[in-house]
């Protein structure tokens, strides 16, 4: 069997620039590419040299996405969980479900403006 890795995740939001700014500050990722996309939209590819998220928006995206339909959440690992939480709060978002799972990471969750759930973890 071949070795595999996640290359990208593509999701839709109502305000791509706002979402990109949040994720840039939260992760330190850079904009690999951005430009016109499907349905007269715009996409931003944000990540590192190995993987990225494709943040898509278009006039057809109205919001009101339902939780867990079909995606549950996006997990992001960071070095400093407290600093990451401060970034999320600075953007006016609420964090919840803080926890530590043995023997794993500390974590918290938040919903972005479109109801997409993120889990932020730190293995510090």
PDB file of N, CA and C in Angstrom:
ATOM      1  N   UNK A   1       0.846  -1.180   0.000  1.00  0.00           N
ATOM      2  CA  UNK A   1       0.000   0.000   0.000  1.00  0.00           C
ATOM      3  C   UNK A   1       0.893   1.245   0.000  1.00  0.00           C
ATOM      4  N   UNK A   2       0.486   2.268  -0.722  1.00  0.00           N
ATOM      5  CA  UNK A   2       1.243   3.511  -0.834  1.00  0.00           C
ATOM      6  C   UNK A   2       1.133   4.337   0.439  1.00  0.00           C
ATOM      7  N   UNK A   3       2.161   5.125   0.696  1.00  0.00           N
ATOM      8  CA  UNK A   3       2.125   6.098   1.777  1.00  0.00           C
ATOM      9  C   UNK A   3       1.268   7.268   1.321  1.00  0.00           C
ATOM     10  N   UNK A   4       0.446   7.817   2.180  1.00  0.00           N
ATOM     11  CA  UNK A   4      -0.436   8.915   1.786  1.00  0.00           C
ATOM     12  C   UNK A   4      -0.403  10.013   2.832  1.00  0.00           C
ATOM     13  N   UNK A   5      -0.759  11.224   2.398  1.00  0.00           N
ATOM     14  CA  UNK A   5      -0.894  12.361   3.298  1.00  0.00           C
ATOM     15  C   UNK A   5      -2.034  13.224   2.787  1.00  0.00           C
ATOM     16  N   UNK A   6      -2.632  13.977   3.664  1.00  0.00           N
ATOM     17  CA  UNK A   6      -3.690  14.894   3.270  1.00  0.00           C
ATOM     18  C   UNK A   6      -3.040  16.064   2.530  1.00  0.00           C
ATOM     19  N   UNK A   7      -3.506  16.360   1.333  1.00  0.00           N
ATOM     20  CA  UNK A   7      -2.924  17.419   0.518  1.00  0.00           C
ATOM     21  C   UNK A   7      -3.689  18.736   0.658  1.00  0.00           C
ATOM     22  N   UNK A   8      -5.018  18.679   0.662  1.00  0.00           N
ATOM     23  CA  UNK A   8      -5.797  19.893   0.896  1.00  0.00           C
ATOM     24  C   UNK A   8      -7.226  19.564   1.322  1.00  0.00           C
ATOM     25  N   UNK A   9      -7.856  20.572   1.909  1.00  0.00           N
ATOM     26  CA  UNK A   9      -9.271  20.541   2.260  1.00  0.00           C
ATOM     27  C   UNK A   9      -9.888  21.768   1.614  1.00  0.00           C
ATOM     28  N   UNK A  10     -11.026  21.604   0.955  1.00  0.00           N
ATOM     29  CA  UNK A  10     -11.695  22.706   0.268  1.00  0.00           C
ATOM     30  C   UNK A  10     -13.045  22.928   0.952  1.00  0.00           C
ATOM     31  N   UNK A  11     -13.290  24.156   1.404  1.00  0.00           N
ATOM     32  CA  UNK A  11     -14.580  24.456   2.019  1.00  0.00           C
ATOM     33  C   UNK A  11     -15.051  25.831   1.592  1.00  0.00           C
ATOM     34  N   UNK A  12     -16.358  26.040   1.699  1.00  0.00           N
ATOM     35  CA  UNK A  12     -16.989  27.285   1.264  1.00  0.00           C
ATOM     36  C   UNK A  12     -17.388  28.134   2.453  1.00  0.00           C
ATOM     37  N   UNK A  13     -17.211  29.447   2.286  1.00  0.00           N
ATOM     38  CA  UNK A  13     -17.572  30.415   3.324  1.00  0.00           C
ATOM     39  C   UNK A  13     -18.236  31.616   2.664  1.00  0.00           C
ATOM     40  N   UNK A  14     -18.870  32.454   3.462  1.00  0.00           N
ATOM     41  CA  UNK A  14     -19.518  33.642   2.915  1.00  0.00           C
ATOM     42  C   UNK A  14     -18.556  34.808   2.718  1.00  0.00           C
ATOM     43  N   UNK A  15     -17.444  34.836   3.449  1.00  0.00           N
ATOM     44  CA  UNK A  15     -16.452  35.914   3.326  1.00  0.00           C
ATOM     45  C   UNK A  15     -15.058  35.288   3.366  1.00  0.00           C
ATOM     46  N   UNK A  16     -14.519  35.001   2.190  1.00  0.00           N
ATOM     47  CA  UNK A  16     -13.236  34.314   2.088  1.00  0.00           C
ATOM     48  C   UNK A  16     -12.080  35.086   2.672  1.00  0.00           C
ATOM     49  N   UNK A  17     -12.055  36.379   2.469  1.00  0.00           N
ATOM     50  CA  UNK A  17     -10.946  37.188   2.984  1.00  0.00           C
ATOM     51  C   UNK A  17     -10.939  37.186   4.515  1.00  0.00           C
ATOM     52  N   UNK A  18     -12.093  37.314   5.117  1.00  0.00           N
ATOM     53  CA  UNK A  18     -12.189  37.284   6.579  1.00  0.00           C
ATOM     54  C   UNK A  18     -11.695  35.942   7.118  1.00  0.00           C
ATOM     55  N   UNK A  19     -12.118  34.862   6.499  1.00  0.00           N
ATOM     56  CA  UNK A  19     -11.675  33.531   6.934  1.00  0.00           C
ATOM     57  C   UNK A  19     -10.175  33.345   6.727  1.00  0.00           C
ATOM     58  N   UNK A  20      -9.654  33.826   5.615  1.00  0.00           N
ATOM     59  CA  UNK A  20      -8.219  33.706   5.345  1.00  0.00           C
ATOM     60  C   UNK A  20      -7.403  34.480   6.385  1.00  0.00           C
ATOM     61  N   UNK A  21      -7.831  35.678   6.726  1.00  0.00           N
ATOM     62  CA  UNK A  21      -7.103  36.466   7.735  1.00  0.00           C
ATOM     63  C   UNK A  21      -7.063  35.747   9.078  1.00  0.00           C
ATOM     64  N   UNK A  22      -8.195  35.184   9.501  1.00  0.00           N
ATOM     65  CA  UNK A  22      -8.237  34.432  10.758  1.00  0.00           C
ATOM     66  C   UNK A  22      -7.240  33.282  10.715  1.00  0.00           C
ATOM     67  N   UNK A  23      -7.302  32.461   9.672  1.00  0.00           N
ATOM     68  CA  UNK A  23      -6.432  31.290   9.602  1.00  0.00           C
ATOM     69  C   UNK A  23      -4.962  31.666   9.448  1.00  0.00           C
ATOM     70  N   UNK A  24      -4.663  32.760   8.744  1.00  0.00           N
ATOM     71  CA  UNK A  24      -3.273  33.239   8.655  1.00  0.00           C
ATOM     72  C   UNK A  24      -2.730  33.555  10.042  1.00  0.00           C
ATOM     73  N   UNK A  25      -3.502  34.293  10.828  1.00  0.00           N
ATOM     74  CA  UNK A  25      -3.049  34.679  12.169  1.00  0.00           C
ATOM     75  C   UNK A  25      -3.000  33.496  13.116  1.00  0.00           C
ATOM     76  N   UNK A  26      -3.930  32.581  12.981  1.00  0.00           N
ATOM     77  CA  UNK A  26      -4.008  31.425  13.858  1.00  0.00           C
ATOM     78  C   UNK A  26      -2.886  30.429  13.582  1.00  0.00           C
ATOM     79  N   UNK A  27      -2.520  30.256  12.310  1.00  0.00           N
ATOM     80  CA  UNK A  27      -1.609  29.175  11.935  1.00  0.00           C
ATOM     81  C   UNK A  27      -0.236  29.619  11.453  1.00  0.00           C
ATOM     82  N   UNK A  28      -0.116  30.851  10.959  1.00  0.00           N
ATOM     83  CA  UNK A  28       1.136  31.274  10.334  1.00  0.00           C
ATOM     84  C   UNK A  28       1.287  30.781   8.902  1.00  0.00           C
ATOM     85  N   UNK A  29       0.226  30.158   8.352  1.00  0.00           N
ATOM     86  CA  UNK A  29       0.281  29.691   6.967  1.00  0.00           C
ATOM     87  C   UNK A  29       0.345  30.872   6.019  1.00  0.00           C
ATOM     88  N   UNK A  30       0.835  30.636   4.808  1.00  0.00           N
ATOM     89  CA  UNK A  30       0.912  31.689   3.803  1.00  0.00           C
ATOM     90  C   UNK A  30      -0.044  31.396   2.645  1.00  0.00           C
ATOM     91  N   UNK A  31      -0.311  32.440   1.883  1.00  0.00           N
ATOM     92  CA  UNK A  31      -1.186  32.308   0.715  1.00  0.00           C
ATOM     93  C   UNK A  31      -0.370  31.714  -0.423  1.00  0.00           C
ATOM     94  N   UNK A  32      -0.702  30.484  -0.766  1.00  0.00           N
ATOM     95  CA  UNK A  32      -0.017  29.787  -1.859  1.00  0.00           C
ATOM     96  C   UNK A  32      -0.547  30.245  -3.214  1.00  0.00           C
ATOM     97  N   UNK A  33      -1.824  30.562  -3.268  1.00  0.00           N
ATOM     98  CA  UNK A  33      -2.470  31.003  -4.507  1.00  0.00           C
ATOM     99  C   UNK A  33      -3.811  31.597  -4.145  1.00  0.00           C
ATOM    100  N   UNK A  34      -4.245  32.570  -4.937  1.00  0.00           N
ATOM    101  CA  UNK A  34      -5.614  33.052  -4.823  1.00  0.00           C
ATOM    102  C   UNK A  34      -6.036  33.627  -6.159  1.00  0.00           C
ATOM    103  N   UNK A  35      -7.321  33.492  -6.458  1.00  0.00           N
ATOM    104  CA  UNK A  35      -7.813  34.007  -7.725  1.00  0.00           C
ATOM    105  C   UNK A  35      -9.235  33.562  -7.998  1.00  0.00           C
ATOM    106  N   UNK A  36      -9.689  33.851  -9.239  1.00  0.00           N
ATOM    107  CA  UNK A  36     -11.059  33.509  -9.623  1.00  0.00           C
ATOM    108  C   UNK A  36     -11.295  32.008  -9.564  1.00  0.00           C
ATOM    109  N   UNK A  37     -12.549  31.639  -9.250  1.00  0.00           N
ATOM    110  CA  UNK A  37     -12.879  30.225  -9.159  1.00  0.00           C
ATOM    111  C   UNK A  37     -14.324  29.995  -9.592  1.00  0.00           C
ATOM    112  N   UNK A  38     -14.775  28.790  -9.412  1.00  0.00           N
ATOM    113  CA  UNK A  38     -16.091  28.318  -9.814  1.00  0.00           C
ATOM    114  C   UNK A  38     -17.221  29.265  -9.405  1.00  0.00           C
ATOM    115  N   UNK A  39     -18.239  29.376 -10.240  1.00  0.00           N
ATOM    116  CA  UNK A  39     -19.452  30.156  -9.956  1.00  0.00           C
ATOM    117  C   UNK A  39     -19.177  31.637  -9.716  1.00  0.00           C
ATOM    118  N   UNK A  40     -18.290  32.225 -10.517  1.00  0.00           N
ATOM    119  CA  UNK A  40     -17.916  33.636 -10.367  1.00  0.00           C
ATOM    120  C   UNK A  40     -17.404  33.934  -8.966  1.00  0.00           C
ATOM    121  N   UNK A  41     -16.739  32.959  -8.395  1.00  0.00           N
ATOM    122  CA  UNK A  41     -16.240  33.083  -7.031  1.00  0.00           C
ATOM    123  C   UNK A  41     -14.764  33.413  -6.965  1.00  0.00           C
ATOM    124  N   UNK A  42     -14.238  33.230  -5.779  1.00  0.00           N
ATOM    125  CA  UNK A  42     -12.829  33.481  -5.513  1.00  0.00           C
ATOM    126  C   UNK A  42     -12.360  32.415  -4.526  1.00  0.00           C
ATOM    127  N   UNK A  43     -11.147  31.932  -4.734  1.00  0.00           N
ATOM    128  CA  UNK A  43     -10.566  30.951  -3.823  1.00  0.00           C
ATOM    129  C   UNK A  43      -9.206  31.428  -3.344  1.00  0.00           C
ATOM    130  N   UNK A  44      -8.904  31.096  -2.119  1.00  0.00           N
ATOM    131  CA  UNK A  44      -7.603  31.353  -1.531  1.00  0.00           C
ATOM    132  C   UNK A  44      -7.059  30.029  -1.026  1.00  0.00           C
ATOM    133  N   UNK A  45      -5.853  29.681  -1.467  1.00  0.00           N
ATOM    134  CA  UNK A  45      -5.169  28.482  -0.980  1.00  0.00           C
ATOM    135  C   UNK A  45      -4.183  28.925   0.080  1.00  0.00           C
ATOM    136  N   UNK A  46      -4.406  28.476   1.297  1.00  0.00           N
ATOM    137  CA  UNK A  46      -3.635  28.921   2.453  1.00  0.00           C
ATOM    138  C   UNK A  46      -3.007  27.708   3.113  1.00  0.00           C
ATOM    139  N   UNK A  47      -1.680  27.704   3.252  1.00  0.00           N
ATOM    140  CA  UNK A  47      -1.037  26.558   3.875  1.00  0.00           C
ATOM    141  C   UNK A  47       0.469  26.694   3.925  1.00  0.00           C
ATOM    142  N   UNK A  48       1.133  25.538   3.840  1.00  0.00           N
ATOM    143  CA  UNK A  48       2.590  25.516   3.796  1.00  0.00           C
ATOM    144  C   UNK A  48       3.005  24.817   2.502  1.00  0.00           C
ATOM    145  N   UNK A  49       4.240  24.353   2.434  1.00  0.00           N
ATOM    146  CA  UNK A  49       4.723  23.741   1.199  1.00  0.00           C
ATOM    147  C   UNK A  49       4.154  22.347   0.954  1.00  0.00           C
ATOM    148  N   UNK A  50       3.457  21.776   1.927  1.00  0.00           N
ATOM    149  CA  UNK A  50       3.007  20.395   1.808  1.00  0.00           C
ATOM    150  C   UNK A  50       1.492  20.220   1.774  1.00  0.00           C
ATOM    151  N   UNK A  51       0.745  21.135   2.369  1.00  0.00           N
ATOM    152  CA  UNK A  51      -0.708  20.993   2.448  1.00  0.00           C
ATOM    153  C   UNK A  51      -1.342  22.369   2.592  1.00  0.00           C
ATOM    154  N   UNK A  52      -2.636  22.429   2.294  1.00  0.00           N
ATOM    155  CA  UNK A  52      -3.319  23.722   2.377  1.00  0.00           C
ATOM    156  C   UNK A  52      -4.816  23.530   2.541  1.00  0.00           C
ATOM    157  N   UNK A  53      -5.483  24.628   2.875  1.00  0.00           N
ATOM    158  CA  UNK A  53      -6.936  24.695   2.818  1.00  0.00           C
ATOM    159  C   UNK A  53      -7.304  25.605   1.655  1.00  0.00           C
ATOM    160  N   UNK A  54      -8.303  25.203   0.914  1.00  0.00           N
ATOM    161  CA  UNK A  54      -8.833  26.018  -0.174  1.00  0.00           C
ATOM    162  C   UNK A  54     -10.116  26.658   0.341  1.00  0.00           C
ATOM    163  N   UNK A  55     -10.082  27.956   0.509  1.00  0.00           N
ATOM    164  CA  UNK A  55     -11.215  28.706   1.036  1.00  0.00           C
ATOM    165  C   UNK A  55     -11.954  29.297  -0.161  1.00  0.00           C
ATOM    166  N   UNK A  56     -13.183  28.849  -0.393  1.00  0.00           N
ATOM    167  CA  UNK A  56     -13.940  29.243  -1.579  1.00  0.00           C
ATOM    168  C   UNK A  56     -15.144  30.087  -1.186  1.00  0.00           C
ATOM    169  N   UNK A  57     -15.397  31.112  -1.976  1.00  0.00           N
ATOM    170  CA  UNK A  57     -16.614  31.890  -1.804  1.00  0.00           C
ATOM    171  C   UNK A  57     -17.148  32.271  -3.174  1.00  0.00           C
ATOM    172  N   UNK A  58     -18.444  32.443  -3.280  1.00  0.00           N
ATOM    173  CA  UNK A  58     -19.064  32.895  -4.529  1.00  0.00           C
ATOM    174  C   UNK A  58     -20.407  33.528  -4.194  1.00  0.00           C
ATOM    175  N   UNK A  59     -20.976  34.257  -5.158  1.00  0.00           N
ATOM    176  CA  UNK A  59     -22.294  34.866  -4.907  1.00  0.00           C
ATOM    177  C   UNK A  59     -23.383  33.852  -4.594  1.00  0.00           C
ATOM    178  N   UNK A  60     -23.172  32.592  -4.956  1.00  0.00           N
ATOM    179  CA  UNK A  60     -24.185  31.551  -4.706  1.00  0.00           C
ATOM    180  C   UNK A  60     -24.158  31.033  -3.275  1.00  0.00           C
ATOM    181  N   UNK A  61     -23.140  31.365  -2.500  1.00  0.00           N
ATOM    182  CA  UNK A  61     -23.028  30.852  -1.131  1.00  0.00           C
ATOM    183  C   UNK A  61     -23.785  31.794  -0.206  1.00  0.00           C
ATOM    184  N   UNK A  62     -24.841  31.282   0.401  1.00  0.00           N
ATOM    185  CA  UNK A  62     -25.718  32.120   1.217  1.00  0.00           C
ATOM    186  C   UNK A  62     -25.477  31.955   2.715  1.00  0.00           C
ATOM    187  N   UNK A  63     -24.666  30.983   3.109  1.00  0.00           N
ATOM    188  CA  UNK A  63     -24.475  30.734   4.536  1.00  0.00           C
ATOM    189  C   UNK A  63     -25.529  29.784   5.058  1.00  0.00           C
ATOM    190  N   UNK A  64     -25.839  29.894   6.336  1.00  0.00           N
ATOM    191  CA  UNK A  64     -26.810  29.020   6.988  1.00  0.00           C
ATOM    192  C   UNK A  64     -26.474  27.539   6.801  1.00  0.00           C
ATOM    193  N   UNK A  65     -25.182  27.225   6.918  1.00  0.00           N
ATOM    194  CA  UNK A  65     -24.746  25.841   6.810  1.00  0.00           C
ATOM    195  C   UNK A  65     -25.149  25.091   8.073  1.00  0.00           C
ATOM    196  N   UNK A  66     -25.516  23.843   7.936  1.00  0.00           N
ATOM    197  CA  UNK A  66     -25.910  23.030   9.076  1.00  0.00           C
ATOM    198  C   UNK A  66     -24.683  22.330   9.662  1.00  0.00           C
ATOM    199  N   UNK A  67     -24.546  22.330  10.967  1.00  0.00           N
ATOM    200  CA  UNK A  67     -23.440  21.659  11.653  1.00  0.00           C
ATOM    201  C   UNK A  67     -23.432  20.180  11.290  1.00  0.00           C
ATOM    202  N   UNK A  68     -22.249  19.672  10.990  1.00  0.00           N
ATOM    203  CA  UNK A  68     -22.010  18.252  10.709  1.00  0.00           C
ATOM    204  C   UNK A  68     -22.672  17.750   9.435  1.00  0.00           C
ATOM    205  N   UNK A  69     -23.049  18.631   8.535  1.00  0.00           N
ATOM    206  CA  UNK A  69     -23.652  18.196   7.274  1.00  0.00           C
ATOM    207  C   UNK A  69     -22.791  18.698   6.130  1.00  0.00           C
ATOM    208  N   UNK A  70     -21.913  17.882   5.602  1.00  0.00           N
ATOM    209  CA  UNK A  70     -21.541  16.546   6.047  1.00  0.00           C
ATOM    210  C   UNK A  70     -20.270  16.528   6.886  1.00  0.00           C
ATOM    211  N   UNK A  71     -19.604  17.627   7.097  1.00  0.00           N
ATOM    212  CA  UNK A  71     -18.313  17.644   7.786  1.00  0.00           C
ATOM    213  C   UNK A  71     -18.498  17.954   9.268  1.00  0.00           C
ATOM    214  N   UNK A  72     -17.741  17.279  10.135  1.00  0.00           N
ATOM    215  CA  UNK A  72     -17.829  17.534  11.570  1.00  0.00           C
ATOM    216  C   UNK A  72     -16.962  18.715  11.993  1.00  0.00           C
ATOM    217  N   UNK A  73     -15.663  18.657  11.773  1.00  0.00           N
ATOM    218  CA  UNK A  73     -14.806  19.793  12.100  1.00  0.00           C
ATOM    219  C   UNK A  73     -13.461  19.664  11.403  1.00  0.00           C
ATOM    220  N   UNK A  74     -12.707  20.766  11.428  1.00  0.00           N
ATOM    221  CA  UNK A  74     -11.346  20.814  10.898  1.00  0.00           C
ATOM    222  C   UNK A  74     -10.413  20.935  12.089  1.00  0.00           C
ATOM    223  N   UNK A  75      -9.441  20.047  12.201  1.00  0.00           N
ATOM    224  CA  UNK A  75      -8.482  20.074  13.300  1.00  0.00           C
ATOM    225  C   UNK A  75      -7.195  20.755  12.880  1.00  0.00           C
ATOM    226  N   UNK A  76      -6.714  21.664  13.720  1.00  0.00           N
ATOM    227  CA  UNK A  76      -5.475  22.393  13.463  1.00  0.00           C
ATOM    228  C   UNK A  76      -4.576  22.253  14.689  1.00  0.00           C
ATOM    229  N   UNK A  77      -3.344  21.802  14.483  1.00  0.00           N
ATOM    230  CA  UNK A  77      -2.371  21.694  15.575  1.00  0.00           C
ATOM    231  C   UNK A  77      -1.522  22.948  15.613  1.00  0.00           C
ATOM    232  N   UNK A  78      -1.346  23.502  16.814  1.00  0.00           N
ATOM    233  CA  UNK A  78      -0.541  24.712  17.019  1.00  0.00           C
ATOM    234  C   UNK A  78       0.467  24.455  18.134  1.00  0.00           C
ATOM    235  N   UNK A  79       1.503  25.293  18.177  1.00  0.00           N
ATOM    236  CA  UNK A  79       2.507  25.181  19.234  1.00  0.00           C
ATOM    237  C   UNK A  79       2.047  25.802  20.547  1.00  0.00           C
ATOM    238  N   UNK A  80       1.281  26.890  20.478  1.00  0.00           N
ATOM    239  CA  UNK A  80       0.883  27.641  21.668  1.00  0.00           C
ATOM    240  C   UNK A  80      -0.635  27.782  21.684  1.00  0.00           C
ATOM    241  N   UNK A  81      -1.297  26.937  22.446  1.00  0.00           N
ATOM    242  CA  UNK A  81      -2.755  26.915  22.476  1.00  0.00           C
ATOM    243  C   UNK A  81      -3.339  28.214  23.019  1.00  0.00           C
ATOM    244  N   UNK A  82      -2.708  28.785  24.044  1.00  0.00           N
ATOM    245  CA  UNK A  82      -3.230  30.026  24.633  1.00  0.00           C
ATOM    246  C   UNK A  82      -3.153  31.183  23.640  1.00  0.00           C
ATOM    247  N   UNK A  83      -2.049  31.281  22.893  1.00  0.00           N
ATOM    248  CA  UNK A  83      -1.917  32.335  21.881  1.00  0.00           C
ATOM    249  C   UNK A  83      -2.941  32.131  20.763  1.00  0.00           C
ATOM    250  N   UNK A  84      -3.165  30.882  20.379  1.00  0.00           N
ATOM    251  CA  UNK A  84      -4.154  30.587  19.341  1.00  0.00           C
ATOM    252  C   UNK A  84      -5.552  30.993  19.793  1.00  0.00           C
ATOM    253  N   UNK A  85      -5.876  30.698  21.039  1.00  0.00           N
ATOM    254  CA  UNK A  85      -7.198  31.074  21.549  1.00  0.00           C
ATOM    255  C   UNK A  85      -7.356  32.594  21.560  1.00  0.00           C
ATOM    256  N   UNK A  86      -6.294  33.319  21.891  1.00  0.00           N
ATOM    257  CA  UNK A  86      -6.361  34.778  21.885  1.00  0.00           C
ATOM    258  C   UNK A  86      -6.674  35.308  20.486  1.00  0.00           C
ATOM    259  N   UNK A  87      -6.097  34.704  19.457  1.00  0.00           N
ATOM    260  CA  UNK A  87      -6.375  35.113  18.074  1.00  0.00           C
ATOM    261  C   UNK A  87      -7.844  34.901  17.742  1.00  0.00           C
ATOM    262  N   UNK A  88      -8.379  33.751  18.096  1.00  0.00           N
ATOM    263  CA  UNK A  88      -9.782  33.448  17.806  1.00  0.00           C
ATOM    264  C   UNK A  88     -10.693  34.466  18.495  1.00  0.00           C
ATOM    265  N   UNK A  89     -10.412  34.755  19.747  1.00  0.00           N
ATOM    266  CA  UNK A  89     -11.222  35.717  20.505  1.00  0.00           C
ATOM    267  C   UNK A  89     -11.098  37.118  19.920  1.00  0.00           C
ATOM    268  N   UNK A  90      -9.889  37.508  19.484  1.00  0.00           N
ATOM    269  CA  UNK A  90      -9.691  38.819  18.843  1.00  0.00           C
ATOM    270  C   UNK A  90     -10.582  38.991  17.624  1.00  0.00           C
ATOM    271  N   UNK A  91     -10.893  37.893  16.957  1.00  0.00           N
ATOM    272  CA  UNK A  91     -11.743  37.946  15.773  1.00  0.00           C
ATOM    273  C   UNK A  91     -13.228  37.904  16.131  1.00  0.00           C
ATOM    274  N   UNK A  92     -13.537  37.984  17.425  1.00  0.00           N
ATOM    275  CA  UNK A  92     -14.922  38.056  17.870  1.00  0.00           C
ATOM    276  C   UNK A  92     -15.633  36.716  17.922  1.00  0.00           C
ATOM    277  N   UNK A  93     -14.865  35.628  17.938  1.00  0.00           N
ATOM    278  CA  UNK A  93     -15.457  34.297  17.974  1.00  0.00           C
ATOM    279  C   UNK A  93     -15.332  33.711  19.373  1.00  0.00           C
ATOM    280  N   UNK A  94     -16.246  32.823  19.727  1.00  0.00           N
ATOM    281  CA  UNK A  94     -16.249  32.218  21.066  1.00  0.00           C
ATOM    282  C   UNK A  94     -15.630  30.830  21.023  1.00  0.00           C
ATOM    283  N   UNK A  95     -14.821  30.523  22.025  1.00  0.00           N
ATOM    284  CA  UNK A  95     -14.235  29.194  22.149  1.00  0.00           C
ATOM    285  C   UNK A  95     -15.037  28.385  23.169  1.00  0.00           C
ATOM    286  N   UNK A  96     -14.981  27.055  23.039  1.00  0.00           N
ATOM    287  CA  UNK A  96     -15.725  26.197  23.959  1.00  0.00           C
ATOM    288  C   UNK A  96     -15.081  24.818  24.006  1.00  0.00           C
ATOM    289  N   UNK A  97     -15.590  23.979  24.872  1.00  0.00           N
ATOM    290  CA  UNK A  97     -15.184  22.587  25.004  1.00  0.00           C
ATOM    291  C   UNK A  97     -13.667  22.427  25.166  1.00  0.00           C
ATOM    292  N   UNK A  98     -13.116  23.179  26.091  1.00  0.00           N
ATOM    293  CA  UNK A  98     -11.688  23.066  26.396  1.00  0.00           C
ATOM    294  C   UNK A  98     -11.438  21.726  27.080  1.00  0.00           C
ATOM    295  N   UNK A  99     -10.380  21.061  26.670  1.00  0.00           N
ATOM    296  CA  UNK A  99     -10.120  19.763  27.276  1.00  0.00           C
ATOM    297  C   UNK A  99      -8.697  19.299  27.086  1.00  0.00           C
ATOM    298  N   UNK A 100      -8.392  18.195  27.769  1.00  0.00           N
ATOM    299  CA  UNK A 100      -7.118  17.516  27.604  1.00  0.00           C
ATOM    300  C   UNK A 100      -7.423  16.034  27.610  1.00  0.00           C
ATOM    301  N   UNK A 101      -6.966  15.377  26.576  1.00  0.00           N
ATOM    302  CA  UNK A 101      -7.228  13.956  26.425  1.00  0.00           C
ATOM    303  C   UNK A 101      -5.937  13.192  26.633  1.00  0.00           C
ATOM    304  N   UNK A 102      -5.933  12.282  27.584  1.00  0.00           N
ATOM    305  CA  UNK A 102      -4.738  11.481  27.856  1.00  0.00           C
ATOM    306  C   UNK A 102      -4.587  10.415  26.789  1.00  0.00           C
ATOM    307  N   UNK A 103      -3.422  10.204  26.300  1.00  0.00           N
ATOM    308  CA  UNK A 103      -2.179  10.933  26.576  1.00  0.00           C
ATOM    309  C   UNK A 103      -1.966  12.066  25.591  1.00  0.00           C
ATOM    310  N   UNK A 104      -3.025  12.534  24.982  1.00  0.00           N
ATOM    311  CA  UNK A 104      -2.931  13.468  23.865  1.00  0.00           C
ATOM    312  C   UNK A 104      -2.903  14.928  24.232  1.00  0.00           C
ATOM    313  N   UNK A 105      -3.419  15.729  23.327  1.00  0.00           N
ATOM    314  CA  UNK A 105      -3.253  17.181  23.392  1.00  0.00           C
ATOM    315  C   UNK A 105      -4.297  17.893  24.254  1.00  0.00           C
ATOM    316  N   UNK A 106      -3.969  19.142  24.591  1.00  0.00           N
ATOM    317  CA  UNK A 106      -4.970  20.092  25.077  1.00  0.00           C
ATOM    318  C   UNK A 106      -5.675  20.637  23.842  1.00  0.00           C
ATOM    319  N   UNK A 107      -6.925  21.041  24.003  1.00  0.00           N
ATOM    320  CA  UNK A 107      -7.648  21.521  22.831  1.00  0.00           C
ATOM    321  C   UNK A 107      -8.792  22.451  23.217  1.00  0.00           C
ATOM    322  N   UNK A 108      -9.286  23.161  22.219  1.00  0.00           N
ATOM    323  CA  UNK A 108     -10.542  23.895  22.320  1.00  0.00           C
ATOM    324  C   UNK A 108     -11.188  23.899  20.940  1.00  0.00           C
ATOM    325  N   UNK A 109     -12.450  24.263  20.913  1.00  0.00           N
ATOM    326  CA  UNK A 109     -13.204  24.320  19.668  1.00  0.00           C
ATOM    327  C   UNK A 109     -13.742  25.729  19.474  1.00  0.00           C
ATOM    328  N   UNK A 110     -14.066  26.063  18.222  1.00  0.00           N
ATOM    329  CA  UNK A 110     -14.809  27.288  17.931  1.00  0.00           C
ATOM    330  C   UNK A 110     -15.531  27.120  16.608  1.00  0.00           C
ATOM    331  N   UNK A 111     -16.618  27.869  16.451  1.00  0.00           N
ATOM    332  CA  UNK A 111     -17.325  27.951  15.177  1.00  0.00           C
ATOM    333  C   UNK A 111     -16.931  29.264  14.520  1.00  0.00           C
ATOM    334  N   UNK A 112     -16.675  29.222  13.198  1.00  0.00           N
ATOM    335  CA  UNK A 112     -16.426  30.475  12.490  1.00  0.00           C
ATOM    336  C   UNK A 112     -17.760  31.135  12.178  1.00  0.00           C
ATOM    337  N   UNK A 113     -17.728  32.189  11.411  1.00  0.00           N
ATOM    338  CA  UNK A 113     -18.927  32.974  11.125  1.00  0.00           C
ATOM    339  C   UNK A 113     -19.950  32.207  10.302  1.00  0.00           C
ATOM    340  N   UNK A 114     -19.517  31.145   9.612  1.00  0.00           N
ATOM    341  CA  UNK A 114     -20.420  30.348   8.783  1.00  0.00           C
ATOM    342  C   UNK A 114     -20.835  29.047   9.447  1.00  0.00           C
ATOM    343  N   UNK A 115     -20.475  28.871  10.717  1.00  0.00           N
ATOM    344  CA  UNK A 115     -20.848  27.661  11.428  1.00  0.00           C
ATOM    345  C   UNK A 115     -19.904  26.490  11.211  1.00  0.00           C
ATOM    346  N   UNK A 116     -18.746  26.724  10.576  1.00  0.00           N
ATOM    347  CA  UNK A 116     -17.767  25.661  10.414  1.00  0.00           C
ATOM    348  C   UNK A 116     -17.040  25.499  11.740  1.00  0.00           C
ATOM    349  N   UNK A 117     -17.007  24.269  12.232  1.00  0.00           N
ATOM    350  CA  UNK A 117     -16.376  24.000  13.516  1.00  0.00           C
ATOM    351  C   UNK A 117     -14.902  23.654  13.320  1.00  0.00           C
ATOM    352  N   UNK A 118     -14.064  24.271  14.153  1.00  0.00           N
ATOM    353  CA  UNK A 118     -12.628  24.007  14.166  1.00  0.00           C
ATOM    354  C   UNK A 118     -12.251  23.464  15.550  1.00  0.00           C
ATOM    355  N   UNK A 119     -11.371  22.496  15.574  1.00  0.00           N
ATOM    356  CA  UNK A 119     -10.745  22.040  16.821  1.00  0.00           C
ATOM    357  C   UNK A 119      -9.293  22.462  16.741  1.00  0.00           C
ATOM    358  N   UNK A 120      -8.826  23.162  17.754  1.00  0.00           N
ATOM    359  CA  UNK A 120      -7.429  23.588  17.811  1.00  0.00           C
ATOM    360  C   UNK A 120      -6.755  22.799  18.920  1.00  0.00           C
ATOM    361  N   UNK A 121      -5.662  22.130  18.588  1.00  0.00           N
ATOM    362  CA  UNK A 121      -4.975  21.260  19.539  1.00  0.00           C
ATOM    363  C   UNK A 121      -3.524  21.672  19.670  1.00  0.00           C
ATOM    364  N   UNK A 122      -2.949  21.346  20.835  1.00  0.00           N
ATOM    365  CA  UNK A 122      -1.530  21.548  21.070  1.00  0.00           C
ATOM    366  C   UNK A 122      -0.969  20.350  21.822  1.00  0.00           C
ATOM    367  N   UNK A 123       0.107  19.802  21.314  1.00  0.00           N
ATOM    368  CA  UNK A 123       0.773  18.673  21.937  1.00  0.00           C
ATOM    369  C   UNK A 123       1.924  19.126  22.824  1.00  0.00           C
ATOM    370  N   UNK A 124       1.885  20.366  23.310  1.00  0.00           N
ATOM    371  CA  UNK A 124       2.939  20.963  24.140  1.00  0.00           C
ATOM    372  C   UNK A 124       3.180  20.195  25.403  1.00  0.00           C
TER     373      UNK A 124
END
